[in-house]
């Protein structure tokens, strides 16, 4: 049953990737983010159990030498603004399985915070283009995306018996004691 949940999660990831690809193609000269850009990739990222488990499945398929490198890096726990433990030579070793937050960094986001709404993106993107001029459908609505993600995570949590509201540190990904 968890595989069906992973399938639904993968469909959501595919939708995010399709949106990202469309926006990146449309605004290519205004977006500097892409594979190999790691400015937003920091340690101390916390994931929902669904995302953590999805990523962890691929982590355990890495070569032993790569797992050792990543475990050593995670053990250092260098601080909030230290590059993500999954970066190797500036690129994510689990890029195809990266969580939603990693897929949406840099994109034009529409964010609702209480009764306030704002548009945002990576400070390296749209430096000479006003975000206010982008059409509404060129923004990723973060609240909607997070609602879908949390819903899929709740189903996953109910099937695995884990609390749905917890967050798991990415730095613990190599810990074989946390397996679903």
C-alpha atoms as a PDB file:
ATOM      1  CA  UNK A   1       0.000   0.000   0.000  1.00  0.00           C
ATOM      2  CA  UNK A   2       2.896   2.385   0.695  1.00  0.00           C
ATOM      3  CA  UNK A   3       3.976   1.913  -2.939  1.00  0.00           C
ATOM      4  CA  UNK A   4       0.626   3.322  -4.054  1.00  0.00           C
ATOM      5  CA  UNK A   5       1.214   6.354  -1.826  1.00  0.00           C
ATOM      6  CA  UNK A   6       4.718   6.755  -3.286  1.00  0.00           C
ATOM      7  CA  UNK A   7       3.132   6.577  -6.746  1.00  0.00           C
ATOM      8  CA  UNK A   8       0.756   9.423  -5.840  1.00  0.00           C
ATOM      9  CA  UNK A   9       3.657  11.408  -4.414  1.00  0.00           C
ATOM     10  CA  UNK A  10       5.669  10.816  -7.606  1.00  0.00           C
ATOM     11  CA  UNK A  11       2.717  12.127  -9.634  1.00  0.00           C
ATOM     12  CA  UNK A  12       2.779  15.292  -7.524  1.00  0.00           C
ATOM     13  CA  UNK A  13       6.541  15.609  -8.071  1.00  0.00           C
ATOM     14  CA  UNK A  14       5.988  15.179 -11.814  1.00  0.00           C
ATOM     15  CA  UNK A  15       3.414  18.008 -11.800  1.00  0.00           C
ATOM     16  CA  UNK A  16       5.852  20.266  -9.940  1.00  0.00           C
ATOM     17  CA  UNK A  17       8.601  19.355 -12.423  1.00  0.00           C
ATOM     18  CA  UNK A  18       6.284  20.074 -15.375  1.00  0.00           C
ATOM     19  CA  UNK A  19       5.448  23.477 -13.919  1.00  0.00           C
ATOM     20  CA  UNK A  20       9.126  24.161 -13.236  1.00  0.00           C
ATOM     21  CA  UNK A  21      10.108  23.181 -16.767  1.00  0.00           C
ATOM     22  CA  UNK A  22       7.417  25.387 -18.296  1.00  0.00           C
ATOM     23  CA  UNK A  23       8.403  28.395 -16.193  1.00  0.00           C
ATOM     24  CA  UNK A  24      12.120  27.838 -16.735  1.00  0.00           C
ATOM     25  CA  UNK A  25      11.620  27.681 -20.503  1.00  0.00           C
ATOM     26  CA  UNK A  26       9.352  30.717 -20.565  1.00  0.00           C
ATOM     27  CA  UNK A  27      11.630  32.887 -18.396  1.00  0.00           C
ATOM     28  CA  UNK A  28      14.994  31.288 -19.186  1.00  0.00           C
ATOM     29  CA  UNK A  29      16.903  34.589 -19.262  1.00  0.00           C
ATOM     30  CA  UNK A  30      15.478  35.592 -15.852  1.00  0.00           C
ATOM     31  CA  UNK A  31      16.136  32.334 -13.959  1.00  0.00           C
ATOM     32  CA  UNK A  32      19.621  31.348 -12.884  1.00  0.00           C
ATOM     33  CA  UNK A  33      18.597  28.304 -10.796  1.00  0.00           C
ATOM     34  CA  UNK A  34      19.044  24.816 -12.189  1.00  0.00           C
ATOM     35  CA  UNK A  35      20.873  21.544 -11.764  1.00  0.00           C
ATOM     36  CA  UNK A  36      24.158  22.229 -10.016  1.00  0.00           C
ATOM     37  CA  UNK A  37      22.967  25.472  -8.425  1.00  0.00           C
ATOM     38  CA  UNK A  38      23.175  24.878  -4.696  1.00  0.00           C
ATOM     39  CA  UNK A  39      22.763  28.335  -3.180  1.00  0.00           C
ATOM     40  CA  UNK A  40      19.536  27.320  -1.411  1.00  0.00           C
ATOM     41  CA  UNK A  41      20.731  23.844  -0.444  1.00  0.00           C
ATOM     42  CA  UNK A  42      21.355  24.094   3.290  1.00  0.00           C
ATOM     43  CA  UNK A  43      21.668  21.619   6.148  1.00  0.00           C
ATOM     44  CA  UNK A  44      18.991  21.397   8.819  1.00  0.00           C
ATOM     45  CA  UNK A  45      16.195  20.804   6.328  1.00  0.00           C
ATOM     46  CA  UNK A  46      13.314  18.878   7.897  1.00  0.00           C
ATOM     47  CA  UNK A  47      11.022  16.650   5.867  1.00  0.00           C
ATOM     48  CA  UNK A  48       7.626  15.054   6.244  1.00  0.00           C
ATOM     49  CA  UNK A  49       7.796  11.269   6.822  1.00  0.00           C
ATOM     50  CA  UNK A  50       6.596  10.608   3.256  1.00  0.00           C
ATOM     51  CA  UNK A  51       9.363  12.716   1.699  1.00  0.00           C
ATOM     52  CA  UNK A  52      11.953  11.327   4.086  1.00  0.00           C
ATOM     53  CA  UNK A  53      11.062   7.720   3.344  1.00  0.00           C
ATOM     54  CA  UNK A  54      10.901   8.336  -0.414  1.00  0.00           C
ATOM     55  CA  UNK A  55      14.376   9.870  -0.335  1.00  0.00           C
ATOM     56  CA  UNK A  56      15.754   7.271   2.052  1.00  0.00           C
ATOM     57  CA  UNK A  57      14.795   4.386  -0.242  1.00  0.00           C
ATOM     58  CA  UNK A  58      17.113   5.807  -2.895  1.00  0.00           C
ATOM     59  CA  UNK A  59      19.809   6.691  -0.351  1.00  0.00           C
ATOM     60  CA  UNK A  60      20.191   3.023   0.587  1.00  0.00           C
ATOM     61  CA  UNK A  61      20.836   2.200  -3.096  1.00  0.00           C
ATOM     62  CA  UNK A  62      23.863   4.500  -3.291  1.00  0.00           C
ATOM     63  CA  UNK A  63      27.335   2.974  -3.361  1.00  0.00           C
ATOM     64  CA  UNK A  64      28.866   2.232   0.026  1.00  0.00           C
ATOM     65  CA  UNK A  65      31.601   4.796  -0.602  1.00  0.00           C
ATOM     66  CA  UNK A  66      29.054   7.537  -1.325  1.00  0.00           C
ATOM     67  CA  UNK A  67      26.974   6.616   1.730  1.00  0.00           C
ATOM     68  CA  UNK A  68      30.125   6.840   3.842  1.00  0.00           C
ATOM     69  CA  UNK A  69      30.922  10.327   2.484  1.00  0.00           C
ATOM     70  CA  UNK A  70      27.390  11.512   3.221  1.00  0.00           C
ATOM     71  CA  UNK A  71      27.312   9.925   6.691  1.00  0.00           C
ATOM     72  CA  UNK A  72      30.577  11.633   7.593  1.00  0.00           C
ATOM     73  CA  UNK A  73      29.256  14.966   6.377  1.00  0.00           C
ATOM     74  CA  UNK A  74      25.998  14.527   8.322  1.00  0.00           C
ATOM     75  CA  UNK A  75      27.940  13.658  11.483  1.00  0.00           C
ATOM     76  CA  UNK A  76      29.723  17.012  11.329  1.00  0.00           C
ATOM     77  CA  UNK A  77      26.438  18.964  11.744  1.00  0.00           C
ATOM     78  CA  UNK A  78      28.079  22.234  10.869  1.00  0.00           C
ATOM     79  CA  UNK A  79      25.148  24.630  11.151  1.00  0.00           C
ATOM     80  CA  UNK A  80      22.178  26.241   9.478  1.00  0.00           C
ATOM     81  CA  UNK A  81      24.016  27.717   6.509  1.00  0.00           C
ATOM     82  CA  UNK A  82      26.216  24.764   5.726  1.00  0.00           C
ATOM     83  CA  UNK A  83      25.625  23.081   2.365  1.00  0.00           C
ATOM     84  CA  UNK A  84      23.195  20.171   2.340  1.00  0.00           C
ATOM     85  CA  UNK A  85      24.684  16.786   3.206  1.00  0.00           C
ATOM     86  CA  UNK A  86      23.421  15.404  -0.122  1.00  0.00           C
ATOM     87  CA  UNK A  87      25.567  17.757  -2.189  1.00  0.00           C
ATOM     88  CA  UNK A  88      28.609  16.224  -3.811  1.00  0.00           C
ATOM     89  CA  UNK A  89      30.721  18.487  -6.006  1.00  0.00           C
ATOM     90  CA  UNK A  90      27.886  21.029  -5.984  1.00  0.00           C
ATOM     91  CA  UNK A  91      25.129  18.689  -7.173  1.00  0.00           C
ATOM     92  CA  UNK A  92      22.546  16.617  -5.311  1.00  0.00           C
ATOM     93  CA  UNK A  93      23.331  12.892  -5.305  1.00  0.00           C
ATOM     94  CA  UNK A  94      19.607  12.150  -5.000  1.00  0.00           C
ATOM     95  CA  UNK A  95      18.467  14.830  -7.458  1.00  0.00           C
ATOM     96  CA  UNK A  96      15.727  12.721  -9.074  1.00  0.00           C
ATOM     97  CA  UNK A  97      14.240  12.039  -5.614  1.00  0.00           C
ATOM     98  CA  UNK A  98      14.718  15.507  -4.103  1.00  0.00           C
ATOM     99  CA  UNK A  99      11.849  16.787  -1.973  1.00  0.00           C
ATOM    100  CA  UNK A 100       9.301  19.343  -3.092  1.00  0.00           C
ATOM    101  CA  UNK A 101      11.003  22.205  -1.278  1.00  0.00           C
ATOM    102  CA  UNK A 102      14.156  21.540  -3.288  1.00  0.00           C
ATOM    103  CA  UNK A 103      12.179  21.423  -6.537  1.00  0.00           C
ATOM    104  CA  UNK A 104      10.441  24.724  -5.884  1.00  0.00           C
ATOM    105  CA  UNK A 105      13.416  26.835  -4.776  1.00  0.00           C
ATOM    106  CA  UNK A 106      13.854  29.711  -7.173  1.00  0.00           C
ATOM    107  CA  UNK A 107      10.474  29.446  -8.864  1.00  0.00           C
ATOM    108  CA  UNK A 108       8.016  32.332  -8.735  1.00  0.00           C
ATOM    109  CA  UNK A 109       5.921  31.539  -5.668  1.00  0.00           C
ATOM    110  CA  UNK A 110       2.574  32.888  -4.555  1.00  0.00           C
ATOM    111  CA  UNK A 111       2.530  32.709  -0.770  1.00  0.00           C
ATOM    112  CA  UNK A 112      -0.420  33.221   1.556  1.00  0.00           C
ATOM    113  CA  UNK A 113       0.433  34.055   5.163  1.00  0.00           C
ATOM    114  CA  UNK A 114      -2.713  34.640   7.177  1.00  0.00           C
ATOM    115  CA  UNK A 115      -4.637  37.322   5.353  1.00  0.00           C
ATOM    116  CA  UNK A 116      -1.574  38.561   3.468  1.00  0.00           C
ATOM    117  CA  UNK A 117      -0.424  37.427   0.055  1.00  0.00           C
ATOM    118  CA  UNK A 118       2.962  37.937  -1.516  1.00  0.00           C
ATOM    119  CA  UNK A 119       5.034  36.899  -4.491  1.00  0.00           C
ATOM    120  CA  UNK A 120       8.568  35.662  -4.027  1.00  0.00           C
ATOM    121  CA  UNK A 121      11.449  33.863  -5.710  1.00  0.00           C
ATOM    122  CA  UNK A 122      15.184  33.295  -5.329  1.00  0.00           C
ATOM    123  CA  UNK A 123      16.984  36.653  -5.082  1.00  0.00           C
ATOM    124  CA  UNK A 124      19.164  35.563  -8.015  1.00  0.00           C
ATOM    125  CA  UNK A 125      16.105  35.192 -10.260  1.00  0.00           C
ATOM    126  CA  UNK A 126      14.031  37.903 -11.930  1.00  0.00           C
ATOM    127  CA  UNK A 127      16.573  40.551 -10.957  1.00  0.00           C
ATOM    128  CA  UNK A 128      15.643  42.712 -13.943  1.00  0.00           C
ATOM    129  CA  UNK A 129      11.995  41.685 -14.190  1.00  0.00           C
ATOM    130  CA  UNK A 130       9.215  42.684 -11.816  1.00  0.00           C
ATOM    131  CA  UNK A 131       7.435  39.665 -10.344  1.00  0.00           C
ATOM    132  CA  UNK A 132       4.227  41.687 -10.226  1.00  0.00           C
ATOM    133  CA  UNK A 133       4.175  41.603 -14.048  1.00  0.00           C
ATOM    134  CA  UNK A 134       4.064  37.805 -14.270  1.00  0.00           C
ATOM    135  CA  UNK A 135       0.648  36.326 -15.037  1.00  0.00           C
ATOM    136  CA  UNK A 136      -1.037  34.596 -12.088  1.00  0.00           C
ATOM    137  CA  UNK A 137      -0.729  31.140 -13.688  1.00  0.00           C
ATOM    138  CA  UNK A 138       3.060  31.526 -13.793  1.00  0.00           C
ATOM    139  CA  UNK A 139       3.222  31.379  -9.996  1.00  0.00           C
ATOM    140  CA  UNK A 140       3.363  28.213  -7.958  1.00  0.00           C
ATOM    141  CA  UNK A 141       0.687  28.496  -5.282  1.00  0.00           C
ATOM    142  CA  UNK A 142       2.628  27.246  -2.294  1.00  0.00           C
ATOM    143  CA  UNK A 143      -0.347  26.818   0.037  1.00  0.00           C
ATOM    144  CA  UNK A 144      -2.194  24.598  -2.461  1.00  0.00           C
ATOM    145  CA  UNK A 145       0.914  22.522  -3.089  1.00  0.00           C
ATOM    146  CA  UNK A 146       1.579  22.093   0.622  1.00  0.00           C
ATOM    147  CA  UNK A 147      -2.054  21.110   1.237  1.00  0.00           C
ATOM    148  CA  UNK A 148      -1.763  18.303  -1.338  1.00  0.00           C
ATOM    149  CA  UNK A 149       1.590  17.204   0.073  1.00  0.00           C
ATOM    150  CA  UNK A 150       0.274  17.139   3.645  1.00  0.00           C
ATOM    151  CA  UNK A 151      -2.772  15.141   2.547  1.00  0.00           C
ATOM    152  CA  UNK A 152      -0.636  12.479   0.856  1.00  0.00           C
ATOM    153  CA  UNK A 153       1.654  12.460   3.900  1.00  0.00           C
ATOM    154  CA  UNK A 154      -1.317  11.881   6.246  1.00  0.00           C
ATOM    155  CA  UNK A 155      -2.334   8.794   4.287  1.00  0.00           C
ATOM    156  CA  UNK A 156       1.271   7.553   4.326  1.00  0.00           C
ATOM    157  CA  UNK A 157       1.510   8.194   8.079  1.00  0.00           C
ATOM    158  CA  UNK A 158      -1.716   6.321   8.771  1.00  0.00           C
ATOM    159  CA  UNK A 159      -0.428   3.308   6.835  1.00  0.00           C
ATOM    160  CA  UNK A 160       2.967   3.289   8.538  1.00  0.00           C
ATOM    161  CA  UNK A 161       1.753   4.146  12.033  1.00  0.00           C
ATOM    162  CA  UNK A 162       3.878   7.280  12.310  1.00  0.00           C
ATOM    163  CA  UNK A 163       2.635  10.649  13.489  1.00  0.00           C
ATOM    164  CA  UNK A 164       1.798  12.695  10.390  1.00  0.00           C
ATOM    165  CA  UNK A 165       2.807  16.054  11.837  1.00  0.00           C
ATOM    166  CA  UNK A 166       6.414  15.256  12.669  1.00  0.00           C
ATOM    167  CA  UNK A 167       9.370  16.466  10.641  1.00  0.00           C
ATOM    168  CA  UNK A 168      12.507  14.400  10.204  1.00  0.00           C
ATOM    169  CA  UNK A 169      15.929  15.990   9.774  1.00  0.00           C
ATOM    170  CA  UNK A 170      17.514  15.390   6.394  1.00  0.00           C
ATOM    171  CA  UNK A 171      20.835  15.012   8.198  1.00  0.00           C
ATOM    172  CA  UNK A 172      19.512  11.758   9.711  1.00  0.00           C
ATOM    173  CA  UNK A 173      18.734  10.211   6.316  1.00  0.00           C
ATOM    174  CA  UNK A 174      21.600   7.741   6.617  1.00  0.00           C
ATOM    175  CA  UNK A 175      20.360   6.546  10.025  1.00  0.00           C
ATOM    176  CA  UNK A 176      19.143   3.022   9.441  1.00  0.00           C
ATOM    177  CA  UNK A 177      17.184   3.197  12.727  1.00  0.00           C
ATOM    178  CA  UNK A 178      14.599   5.455  11.064  1.00  0.00           C
ATOM    179  CA  UNK A 179      12.973   3.272   8.439  1.00  0.00           C
ATOM    180  CA  UNK A 180       9.308   3.056   7.482  1.00  0.00           C
END
